Amino acid sequence: MQTVRNDLHQRITQQIIQAIEAGAGDYRMPWNTKGSSASLPQNPVGKYEYHGINVLSLWASQQLRAFTTGQWATYRQWLSIGAQVRKGETGSPTVFYQPIMGDDDRETSVERPSAQGRSGRPFVLKMATVFNADQVDGFQPEHVALPADQRQDMAEQVIKNSKARILWGGERACYLPTRDEIHLPHPEEFVSAEAYYGVAFHELVHWTGHESRCARDLSGRFGSAAYAMEELVAELGAAFLSAELGISSEPRNDHASYISSWLNVRRIQVRGATKMNAVIGG
């Protein structure tokens, strides 16, 4: 079981590394949407959104293969609605945890406590190969997006509901753990509303790492592994929030100073993938 886990983590980690390297020249990460409406990967057949590491993995696949839609399903799922994956198309990996059941439909016992979910039920890691709607004939993707003002209203509500202490003004955006406060330039100082919310969400995710909340290691200096991990957590958290709210996550020049450290974090392979899974719910 551990070998299977390692192989899956390595495969997905390598795909994410490849996507980051491919977009590094113009600061376009797998979670950037280049001005289009952002969205979480979703399954139009099963009517659900993908979560955890699958979000980043499918974003990476979408960028690398220039798919225009974030809709994914398995071969059998597409077939069930009369759609057909085109011959020669290759799928993208997703992972999920499946309960282990005995012959009498009761859960079997497992030796590894780490293989158990929060309810104590044992699970096994499985892989499902999915295909993008662009790889399918007989299906027309639906593109439904809220008006921009409604999306921005929702973003404002998220920031307000966090109850974080935010001080506007100045030229620098940052989170100060010792004071437990966020500093942001005024919204009109940003090149766009999307840029403002992307930075605000980034700092808000840093804010969740305070010792009174998620208690992450916020002591790292630039260039350290702890710093790289925390910056990656904040960047992914901001991307997930933006996608949830339908706000475009745009390429940013300051990614240049982080790309190398992000790649180093991801190249830790299985250990890094396992740690990131724990952080983002994979």
C-alpha atoms as a PDB file:
ATOM      1  CA  MET A   1       0.000   0.000   0.000  1.00  0.00           C
ATOM      2  CA  GLN A   2       2.834   2.401   0.876  1.00  0.00           C
ATOM      3  CA  THR A   3       4.471   1.804  -2.538  1.00  0.00           C
ATOM      4  CA  VAL A   4       1.213   2.709  -4.277  1.00  0.00           C
ATOM      5  CA  ARG A   5       0.927   5.873  -2.186  1.00  0.00           C
ATOM      6  CA  ASN A   6       4.497   6.876  -3.011  1.00  0.00           C
ATOM      7  CA  ASP A   7       4.032   6.238  -6.741  1.00  0.00           C
ATOM      8  CA  LEU A   8       0.860   8.342  -6.844  1.00  0.00           C
ATOM      9  CA  HIS A   9       2.440  11.168  -4.864  1.00  0.00           C
ATOM     10  CA  GLN A  10       5.507  11.166  -7.110  1.00  0.00           C
ATOM     11  CA  ARG A  11       3.419  11.182 -10.278  1.00  0.00           C
ATOM     12  CA  ILE A  12       1.239  14.083  -9.162  1.00  0.00           C
ATOM     13  CA  THR A  13       4.161  15.993  -7.645  1.00  0.00           C
ATOM     14  CA  GLN A  14       6.120  15.714 -10.888  1.00  0.00           C
ATOM     15  CA  GLN A  15       3.157  17.001 -12.894  1.00  0.00           C
ATOM     16  CA  ILE A  16       2.860  20.048 -10.618  1.00  0.00           C
ATOM     17  CA  ILE A  17       6.606  20.712 -10.873  1.00  0.00           C
ATOM     18  CA  GLN A  18       6.392  20.505 -14.664  1.00  0.00           C
ATOM     19  CA  ALA A  19       3.492  22.976 -14.754  1.00  0.00           C
ATOM     20  CA  ILE A  20       5.302  25.470 -12.505  1.00  0.00           C
ATOM     21  CA  GLU A  21       8.449  25.216 -14.642  1.00  0.00           C
ATOM     22  CA  ALA A  22       6.419  25.636 -17.833  1.00  0.00           C
ATOM     23  CA  GLY A  23       4.856  28.883 -16.620  1.00  0.00           C
ATOM     24  CA  ALA A  24       7.862  30.296 -14.762  1.00  0.00           C
ATOM     25  CA  GLY A  25       8.994  32.519 -17.639  1.00  0.00           C
ATOM     26  CA  ASP A  26       5.908  34.725 -17.479  1.00  0.00           C
ATOM     27  CA  TYR A  27       5.100  34.050 -13.804  1.00  0.00           C
ATOM     28  CA  ARG A  28       2.093  31.926 -14.796  1.00  0.00           C
ATOM     29  CA  MET A  29       1.509  29.240 -12.188  1.00  0.00           C
ATOM     30  CA  PRO A  30      -0.946  26.315 -12.542  1.00  0.00           C
ATOM     31  CA  TRP A  31      -3.481  28.309 -10.511  1.00  0.00           C
ATOM     32  CA  ASN A  32      -3.364  31.383 -12.783  1.00  0.00           C
ATOM     33  CA  THR A  33      -6.253  31.839 -15.204  1.00  0.00           C
ATOM     34  CA  LYS A  34      -4.802  34.690 -17.306  1.00  0.00           C
ATOM     35  CA  GLY A  35      -7.789  36.960 -16.878  1.00  0.00           C
ATOM     36  CA  SER A  36     -10.530  34.389 -17.463  1.00  0.00           C
ATOM     37  CA  SER A  37     -13.125  33.509 -14.861  1.00  0.00           C
ATOM     38  CA  ALA A  38     -11.546  31.245 -12.270  1.00  0.00           C
ATOM     39  CA  SER A  39     -13.172  28.038 -11.116  1.00  0.00           C
ATOM     40  CA  LEU A  40     -12.486  24.928  -9.103  1.00  0.00           C
ATOM     41  CA  PRO A  41     -12.237  21.735 -11.167  1.00  0.00           C
ATOM     42  CA  GLN A  42     -15.618  20.058 -11.206  1.00  0.00           C
ATOM     43  CA  ASN A  43     -17.313  16.885 -12.359  1.00  0.00           C
ATOM     44  CA  PRO A  44     -20.404  17.734 -14.457  1.00  0.00           C
ATOM     45  CA  VAL A  45     -21.597  14.119 -14.448  1.00  0.00           C
ATOM     46  CA  GLY A  46     -21.347  13.434 -10.713  1.00  0.00           C
ATOM     47  CA  LYS A  47     -22.230  17.073  -9.895  1.00  0.00           C
ATOM     48  CA  TYR A  48     -19.368  17.665  -7.470  1.00  0.00           C
ATOM     49  CA  GLU A  49     -16.167  19.699  -7.209  1.00  0.00           C
ATOM     50  CA  TYR A  50     -12.717  18.181  -6.781  1.00  0.00           C
ATOM     51  CA  HIS A  51     -10.894  18.893  -3.523  1.00  0.00           C
ATOM     52  CA  GLY A  52      -7.450  18.902  -1.951  1.00  0.00           C
ATOM     53  CA  ILE A  53      -4.425  17.963  -4.015  1.00  0.00           C
ATOM     54  CA  ASN A  54      -6.724  17.063  -6.923  1.00  0.00           C
ATOM     55  CA  VAL A  55      -7.466  20.762  -7.448  1.00  0.00           C
ATOM     56  CA  LEU A  56      -3.795  21.610  -7.932  1.00  0.00           C
ATOM     57  CA  SER A  57      -3.134  18.475  -9.991  1.00  0.00           C
ATOM     58  CA  LEU A  58      -5.999  19.187 -12.393  1.00  0.00           C
ATOM     59  CA  TRP A  59      -5.088  22.868 -12.635  1.00  0.00           C
ATOM     60  CA  ALA A  60      -1.573  21.749 -13.604  1.00  0.00           C
ATOM     61  CA  SER A  61      -2.914  19.354 -16.213  1.00  0.00           C
ATOM     62  CA  GLN A  62      -5.223  22.035 -17.609  1.00  0.00           C
ATOM     63  CA  GLN A  63      -2.341  24.483 -17.987  1.00  0.00           C
ATOM     64  CA  LEU A  64       0.107  22.000 -19.493  1.00  0.00           C
ATOM     65  CA  ARG A  65      -2.402  20.748 -22.052  1.00  0.00           C
ATOM     66  CA  ALA A  66      -4.123  24.079 -22.735  1.00  0.00           C
ATOM     67  CA  PHE A  67      -7.622  22.829 -21.916  1.00  0.00           C
ATOM     68  CA  THR A  68     -10.256  25.561 -22.004  1.00  0.00           C
ATOM     69  CA  THR A  69     -12.536  24.046 -19.386  1.00  0.00           C
ATOM     70  CA  GLY A  70     -12.176  22.862 -15.794  1.00  0.00           C
ATOM     71  CA  GLN A  71     -14.724  20.044 -16.164  1.00  0.00           C
ATOM     72  CA  TRP A  72     -13.493  16.483 -15.669  1.00  0.00           C
ATOM     73  CA  ALA A  73     -14.978  12.977 -15.400  1.00  0.00           C
ATOM     74  CA  THR A  74     -13.910   9.362 -15.756  1.00  0.00           C
ATOM     75  CA  TYR A  75     -14.348   7.426 -19.004  1.00  0.00           C
ATOM     76  CA  ARG A  76     -17.331   5.531 -17.622  1.00  0.00           C
ATOM     77  CA  GLN A  77     -18.944   8.708 -16.308  1.00  0.00           C
ATOM     78  CA  TRP A  78     -18.725  10.399 -19.706  1.00  0.00           C
ATOM     79  CA  LEU A  79     -20.125   7.263 -21.320  1.00  0.00           C
ATOM     80  CA  SER A  80     -23.060   7.243 -18.898  1.00  0.00           C
ATOM     81  CA  ILE A  81     -24.361  10.524 -20.331  1.00  0.00           C
ATOM     82  CA  GLY A  82     -23.808   9.592 -23.957  1.00  0.00           C
ATOM     83  CA  ALA A  83     -20.455  11.366 -24.369  1.00  0.00           C
ATOM     84  CA  GLN A  84     -17.367   9.663 -25.793  1.00  0.00           C
ATOM     85  CA  VAL A  85     -13.714  10.211 -24.956  1.00  0.00           C
ATOM     86  CA  ARG A  86     -11.901  10.534 -28.270  1.00  0.00           C
ATOM     87  CA  LYS A  87      -9.585   7.721 -29.327  1.00  0.00           C
ATOM     88  CA  GLY A  88      -5.968   8.263 -28.322  1.00  0.00           C
ATOM     89  CA  GLU A  89      -6.698  10.756 -25.544  1.00  0.00           C
ATOM     90  CA  THR A  90      -4.762  10.310 -22.307  1.00  0.00           C
ATOM     91  CA  GLY A  91      -6.307  11.033 -18.930  1.00  0.00           C
ATOM     92  CA  SER A  92      -5.143  12.864 -15.824  1.00  0.00           C
ATOM     93  CA  PRO A  93      -4.753  11.266 -12.381  1.00  0.00           C
ATOM     94  CA  THR A  94      -6.891  12.048  -9.343  1.00  0.00           C
ATOM     95  CA  VAL A  95      -6.734  10.379  -5.935  1.00  0.00           C
ATOM     96  CA  PHE A  96      -9.336   9.482  -3.364  1.00  0.00           C
ATOM     97  CA  TYR A  97      -9.653   7.375  -0.218  1.00  0.00           C
ATOM     98  CA  GLN A  98     -11.990   4.397  -0.350  1.00  0.00           C
ATOM     99  CA  PRO A  99     -13.304   2.613   2.769  1.00  0.00           C
ATOM    100  CA  ILE A 100     -11.983  -0.903   3.220  1.00  0.00           C
ATOM    101  CA  MET A 101     -14.910  -3.309   3.514  1.00  0.00           C
ATOM    102  CA  GLY A 102     -14.929  -6.958   4.563  1.00  0.00           C
ATOM    103  CA  ASP A 103     -16.798  -9.848   2.944  1.00  0.00           C
ATOM    104  CA  ASP A 104     -19.717  -9.243   5.299  1.00  0.00           C
ATOM    105  CA  ASP A 105     -19.772  -5.522   4.395  1.00  0.00           C
ATOM    106  CA  ARG A 106     -18.159  -4.565   7.674  1.00  0.00           C
ATOM    107  CA  GLU A 107     -14.937  -2.586   7.786  1.00  0.00           C
ATOM    108  CA  THR A 108     -11.822  -4.702   8.035  1.00  0.00           C
ATOM    109  CA  SER A 109      -9.142  -3.831  10.548  1.00  0.00           C
ATOM    110  CA  VAL A 110      -5.812  -2.341   9.457  1.00  0.00           C
ATOM    111  CA  GLU A 111      -2.491  -2.226  11.252  1.00  0.00           C
ATOM    112  CA  ARG A 112      -1.613   1.359  10.352  1.00  0.00           C
ATOM    113  CA  PRO A 113      -3.416   4.026  12.416  1.00  0.00           C
ATOM    114  CA  SER A 114      -2.530   6.542   9.682  1.00  0.00           C
ATOM    115  CA  ALA A 115      -4.767   4.605   7.304  1.00  0.00           C
ATOM    116  CA  GLN A 116      -7.829   5.480   9.337  1.00  0.00           C
ATOM    117  CA  GLY A 117     -10.118   8.444   8.791  1.00  0.00           C
ATOM    118  CA  ARG A 118     -11.409  10.724  11.521  1.00  0.00           C
ATOM    119  CA  SER A 119     -14.280   8.343  12.220  1.00  0.00           C
ATOM    120  CA  GLY A 120     -11.861   5.456  12.799  1.00  0.00           C
ATOM    121  CA  ARG A 121     -12.894   3.750   9.568  1.00  0.00           C
ATOM    122  CA  PRO A 122      -9.936   2.315   7.584  1.00  0.00           C
ATOM    123  CA  PHE A 123      -9.299   3.699   4.095  1.00  0.00           C
ATOM    124  CA  VAL A 124      -7.070   2.811   1.167  1.00  0.00           C
ATOM    125  CA  LEU A 125      -5.643   5.291  -1.347  1.00  0.00           C
ATOM    126  CA  LYS A 126      -6.995   4.826  -4.876  1.00  0.00           C
ATOM    127  CA  MET A 127      -6.459   6.546  -8.206  1.00  0.00           C
ATOM    128  CA  ALA A 128      -9.080   7.512 -10.777  1.00  0.00           C
ATOM    129  CA  THR A 129      -8.160   8.671 -14.279  1.00  0.00           C
ATOM    130  CA  VAL A 130     -10.275  11.553 -15.527  1.00  0.00           C
ATOM    131  CA  PHE A 131     -10.654  13.254 -18.902  1.00  0.00           C
ATOM    132  CA  ASN A 132     -11.281  16.917 -19.600  1.00  0.00           C
ATOM    133  CA  ALA A 133     -14.438  17.993 -21.427  1.00  0.00           C
ATOM    134  CA  ASP A 134     -12.161  19.182 -24.264  1.00  0.00           C
ATOM    135  CA  GLN A 135     -11.229  15.529 -24.851  1.00  0.00           C
ATOM    136  CA  VAL A 136     -14.829  14.427 -25.252  1.00  0.00           C
ATOM    137  CA  ASP A 137     -17.360  14.374 -28.094  1.00  0.00           C
ATOM    138  CA  GLY A 138     -21.065  14.695 -27.379  1.00  0.00           C
ATOM    139  CA  PHE A 139     -20.881  17.102 -24.444  1.00  0.00           C
ATOM    140  CA  GLN A 140     -21.261  20.885 -24.400  1.00  0.00           C
ATOM    141  CA  PRO A 141     -19.728  22.550 -21.314  1.00  0.00           C
ATOM    142  CA  GLU A 142     -21.859  25.129 -19.548  1.00  0.00           C
ATOM    143  CA  HIS A 143     -20.231  28.389 -18.545  1.00  0.00           C
ATOM    144  CA  VAL A 144     -22.266  30.131 -15.870  1.00  0.00           C
ATOM    145  CA  ALA A 145     -20.637  32.950 -13.921  1.00  0.00           C
ATOM    146  CA  LEU A 146     -22.010  35.517 -11.521  1.00  0.00           C
ATOM    147  CA  PRO A 147     -21.652  39.191 -12.511  1.00  0.00           C
ATOM    148  CA  ALA A 148     -18.355  40.747 -11.446  1.00  0.00           C
ATOM    149  CA  ASP A 149     -19.960  43.014  -8.853  1.00  0.00           C
ATOM    150  CA  GLN A 150     -21.628  40.040  -7.139  1.00  0.00           C
ATOM    151  CA  ARG A 151     -18.354  38.122  -7.037  1.00  0.00           C
ATOM    152  CA  GLN A 152     -16.599  41.109  -5.504  1.00  0.00           C
ATOM    153  CA  ASP A 153     -19.376  41.527  -2.940  1.00  0.00           C
ATOM    154  CA  MET A 154     -18.859  37.908  -1.923  1.00  0.00           C
ATOM    155  CA  ALA A 155     -15.101  38.451  -1.658  1.00  0.00           C
ATOM    156  CA  GLU A 156     -15.677  41.467   0.586  1.00  0.00           C
ATOM    157  CA  GLN A 157     -17.960  39.369   2.765  1.00  0.00           C
ATOM    158  CA  VAL A 158     -15.306  36.676   3.149  1.00  0.00           C
ATOM    159  CA  ILE A 159     -12.770  39.271   4.276  1.00  0.00           C
ATOM    160  CA  LYS A 160     -15.261  40.878   6.670  1.00  0.00           C
ATOM    161  CA  ASN A 161     -16.387  37.554   8.138  1.00  0.00           C
ATOM    162  CA  SER A 162     -12.795  36.544   8.895  1.00  0.00           C
ATOM    163  CA  LYS A 163     -12.717  39.309  11.544  1.00  0.00           C
ATOM    164  CA  ALA A 164      -9.015  39.751  10.846  1.00  0.00           C
ATOM    165  CA  ARG A 165      -7.457  43.068  11.899  1.00  0.00           C
ATOM    166  CA  ILE A 166      -6.626  44.812   8.591  1.00  0.00           C
ATOM    167  CA  LEU A 167      -4.922  48.199   8.264  1.00  0.00           C
ATOM    168  CA  TRP A 168      -5.132  49.895   4.852  1.00  0.00           C
ATOM    169  CA  GLY A 169      -2.510  52.329   3.620  1.00  0.00           C
ATOM    170  CA  GLY A 170       1.131  52.410   2.603  1.00  0.00           C
ATOM    171  CA  GLU A 171       2.810  50.580  -0.259  1.00  0.00           C
ATOM    172  CA  ARG A 172       3.425  47.185   1.316  1.00  0.00           C
ATOM    173  CA  ALA A 173       1.177  44.173   1.781  1.00  0.00           C
ATOM    174  CA  CYS A 174       2.132  41.889   4.652  1.00  0.00           C
ATOM    175  CA  TYR A 175       0.977  39.963   7.705  1.00  0.00           C
ATOM    176  CA  LEU A 176       2.712  40.673  11.024  1.00  0.00           C
ATOM    177  CA  PRO A 177       2.395  37.634  13.331  1.00  0.00           C
ATOM    178  CA  THR A 178       3.709  39.508  16.382  1.00  0.00           C
ATOM    179  CA  ARG A 179       0.876  42.038  16.091  1.00  0.00           C
ATOM    180  CA  ASP A 180      -1.574  39.628  14.460  1.00  0.00           C
ATOM    181  CA  GLU A 181      -2.516  42.224  11.857  1.00  0.00           C
ATOM    182  CA  ILE A 182      -2.619  42.507   8.075  1.00  0.00           C
ATOM    183  CA  HIS A 183      -1.336  45.573   6.232  1.00  0.00           C
ATOM    184  CA  LEU A 184      -2.690  46.274   2.733  1.00  0.00           C
ATOM    185  CA  PRO A 185      -2.432  49.213   0.328  1.00  0.00           C
ATOM    186  CA  HIS A 186      -5.783  50.788  -0.496  1.00  0.00           C
ATOM    187  CA  PRO A 187      -7.741  48.780  -3.127  1.00  0.00           C
ATOM    188  CA  GLU A 188      -7.431  51.571  -5.707  1.00  0.00           C
ATOM    189  CA  GLU A 189      -3.642  51.230  -5.579  1.00  0.00           C
ATOM    190  CA  PHE A 190      -3.846  47.818  -7.282  1.00  0.00           C
ATOM    191  CA  VAL A 191      -3.961  47.375 -11.052  1.00  0.00           C
ATOM    192  CA  SER A 192      -7.293  45.563 -10.812  1.00  0.00           C
ATOM    193  CA  ALA A 193      -9.871  44.312  -8.333  1.00  0.00           C
ATOM    194  CA  GLU A 194      -8.653  40.765  -9.023  1.00  0.00           C
ATOM    195  CA  ALA A 195      -5.096  41.751  -8.091  1.00  0.00           C
ATOM    196  CA  TYR A 196      -6.317  43.334  -4.861  1.00  0.00           C
ATOM    197  CA  TYR A 197      -8.357  40.319  -3.755  1.00  0.00           C
ATOM    198  CA  GLY A 198      -5.546  37.939  -4.704  1.00  0.00           C
ATOM    199  CA  VAL A 199      -3.125  39.784  -2.417  1.00  0.00           C
ATOM    200  CA  ALA A 200      -5.738  40.236   0.329  1.00  0.00           C
ATOM    201  CA  PHE A 201      -6.534  36.517   0.319  1.00  0.00           C
ATOM    202  CA  HIS A 202      -2.810  35.676   0.322  1.00  0.00           C
ATOM    203  CA  GLU A 203      -2.275  37.709   3.486  1.00  0.00           C
ATOM    204  CA  LEU A 204      -5.497  36.384   5.003  1.00  0.00           C
ATOM    205  CA  VAL A 205      -4.212  32.805   4.610  1.00  0.00           C
ATOM    206  CA  HIS A 206      -0.980  33.844   6.362  1.00  0.00           C
ATOM    207  CA  TRP A 207      -3.250  35.211   9.130  1.00  0.00           C
ATOM    208  CA  THR A 208      -4.777  31.729   9.598  1.00  0.00           C
ATOM    209  CA  GLY A 209      -1.324  30.437  10.533  1.00  0.00           C
ATOM    210  CA  HIS A 210      -1.218  32.398  13.813  1.00  0.00           C
ATOM    211  CA  GLU A 211      -0.610  30.298  16.937  1.00  0.00           C
ATOM    212  CA  SER A 212      -4.180  30.969  18.107  1.00  0.00           C
ATOM    213  CA  ARG A 213      -5.592  29.511  14.885  1.00  0.00           C
ATOM    214  CA  CYS A 214      -3.796  26.882  12.738  1.00  0.00           C
ATOM    215  CA  ALA A 215      -0.430  27.366  14.514  1.00  0.00           C
ATOM    216  CA  ARG A 216       1.781  26.988  11.447  1.00  0.00           C
ATOM    217  CA  ASP A 217       5.491  27.825  11.517  1.00  0.00           C
ATOM    218  CA  LEU A 218       5.637  31.535  10.613  1.00  0.00           C
ATOM    219  CA  SER A 219       9.193  32.060  11.811  1.00  0.00           C
ATOM    220  CA  GLY A 220      11.020  31.143   8.603  1.00  0.00           C
ATOM    221  CA  ARG A 221      13.313  33.584   6.812  1.00  0.00           C
ATOM    222  CA  PHE A 222      13.359  34.072   3.040  1.00  0.00           C
ATOM    223  CA  GLY A 223      15.083  31.116   1.413  1.00  0.00           C
ATOM    224  CA  SER A 224      14.342  28.659   4.220  1.00  0.00           C
ATOM    225  CA  ALA A 225      12.160  25.577   3.796  1.00  0.00           C
ATOM    226  CA  ALA A 226       9.670  26.859   6.386  1.00  0.00           C
ATOM    227  CA  TYR A 227       9.354  30.184   4.562  1.00  0.00           C
ATOM    228  CA  ALA A 228       8.897  28.463   1.197  1.00  0.00           C
ATOM    229  CA  MET A 229       6.242  26.147   2.581  1.00  0.00           C
ATOM    230  CA  GLU A 230       4.290  28.965   4.230  1.00  0.00           C
ATOM    231  CA  GLU A 231       4.402  31.102   1.071  1.00  0.00           C
ATOM    232  CA  LEU A 232       3.173  28.150  -0.974  1.00  0.00           C
ATOM    233  CA  VAL A 233       0.350  27.528   1.519  1.00  0.00           C
ATOM    234  CA  ALA A 234      -0.664  31.208   1.301  1.00  0.00           C
ATOM    235  CA  GLU A 235      -0.493  31.256  -2.492  1.00  0.00           C
ATOM    236  CA  LEU A 236      -2.545  28.083  -2.853  1.00  0.00           C
ATOM    237  CA  GLY A 237      -5.042  29.236  -0.242  1.00  0.00           C
ATOM    238  CA  ALA A 238      -5.521  32.513  -2.119  1.00  0.00           C
ATOM    239  CA  ALA A 239      -5.945  30.620  -5.380  1.00  0.00           C
ATOM    240  CA  PHE A 240      -8.528  28.271  -3.841  1.00  0.00           C
ATOM    241  CA  LEU A 241     -10.483  31.194  -2.378  1.00  0.00           C
ATOM    242  CA  SER A 242     -10.368  33.087  -5.673  1.00  0.00           C
ATOM    243  CA  ALA A 243     -11.575  30.025  -7.565  1.00  0.00           C
ATOM    244  CA  GLU A 244     -14.357  29.375  -5.067  1.00  0.00           C
ATOM    245  CA  LEU A 245     -15.587  32.939  -5.574  1.00  0.00           C
ATOM    246  CA  GLY A 246     -15.031  33.005  -9.340  1.00  0.00           C
ATOM    247  CA  ILE A 247     -12.344  35.707  -9.158  1.00  0.00           C
ATOM    248  CA  SER A 248      -9.493  35.493 -11.648  1.00  0.00           C
ATOM    249  CA  SER A 249      -6.128  34.601 -10.103  1.00  0.00           C
ATOM    250  CA  GLU A 250      -3.726  36.593 -12.253  1.00  0.00           C
ATOM    251  CA  PRO A 251       0.031  36.116 -12.899  1.00  0.00           C
ATOM    252  CA  ARG A 252       2.153  38.277 -10.580  1.00  0.00           C
ATOM    253  CA  ASN A 253       5.737  39.465 -11.078  1.00  0.00           C
ATOM    254  CA  ASP A 254       6.594  38.758  -7.447  1.00  0.00           C
ATOM    255  CA  HIS A 255       6.215  35.049  -8.207  1.00  0.00           C
ATOM    256  CA  ALA A 256       9.733  35.275  -9.643  1.00  0.00           C
ATOM    257  CA  SER A 257      11.303  35.454  -6.181  1.00  0.00           C
ATOM    258  CA  TYR A 258       9.347  32.419  -5.001  1.00  0.00           C
ATOM    259  CA  ILE A 259       9.420  30.051  -7.974  1.00  0.00           C
ATOM    260  CA  SER A 260      12.737  28.436  -7.071  1.00  0.00           C
ATOM    261  CA  SER A 261      11.750  27.865  -3.442  1.00  0.00           C
ATOM    262  CA  TRP A 262       8.331  26.503  -4.450  1.00  0.00           C
ATOM    263  CA  LEU A 263       9.999  24.028  -6.791  1.00  0.00           C
ATOM    264  CA  ASN A 264      12.377  22.941  -4.048  1.00  0.00           C
ATOM    265  CA  VAL A 265       9.413  22.299  -1.745  1.00  0.00           C
ATOM    266  CA  ARG A 266       7.637  20.254  -4.417  1.00  0.00           C
ATOM    267  CA  ARG A 267      10.809  18.289  -5.307  1.00  0.00           C
ATOM    268  CA  ILE A 268      10.820  16.771  -1.835  1.00  0.00           C
ATOM    269  CA  GLN A 269       8.611  14.226  -3.687  1.00  0.00           C
ATOM    270  CA  VAL A 270       6.655  11.897  -1.424  1.00  0.00           C
ATOM    271  CA  ARG A 271       7.439  13.702   1.831  1.00  0.00           C
ATOM    272  CA  GLY A 272       6.551  17.063   0.309  1.00  0.00           C
ATOM    273  CA  ALA A 273       3.405  15.729  -1.358  1.00  0.00           C
ATOM    274  CA  THR A 274       2.258  14.102   1.865  1.00  0.00           C
ATOM    275  CA  LYS A 275       2.839  17.325   3.832  1.00  0.00           C
ATOM    276  CA  MET A 276       0.969  19.386   1.232  1.00  0.00           C
ATOM    277  CA  ASN A 277      -1.884  16.884   1.232  1.00  0.00           C
ATOM    278  CA  ALA A 278      -2.250  17.424   4.979  1.00  0.00           C
ATOM    279  CA  VAL A 279      -2.226  21.196   4.521  1.00  0.00           C
ATOM    280  CA  ILE A 280      -4.782  21.443   1.710  1.00  0.00           C
ATOM    281  CA  GLY A 281      -6.970  18.465   2.507  1.00  0.00           C
ATOM    282  CA  GLY A 282      -5.898  15.863  -0.055  1.00  0.00           C
END
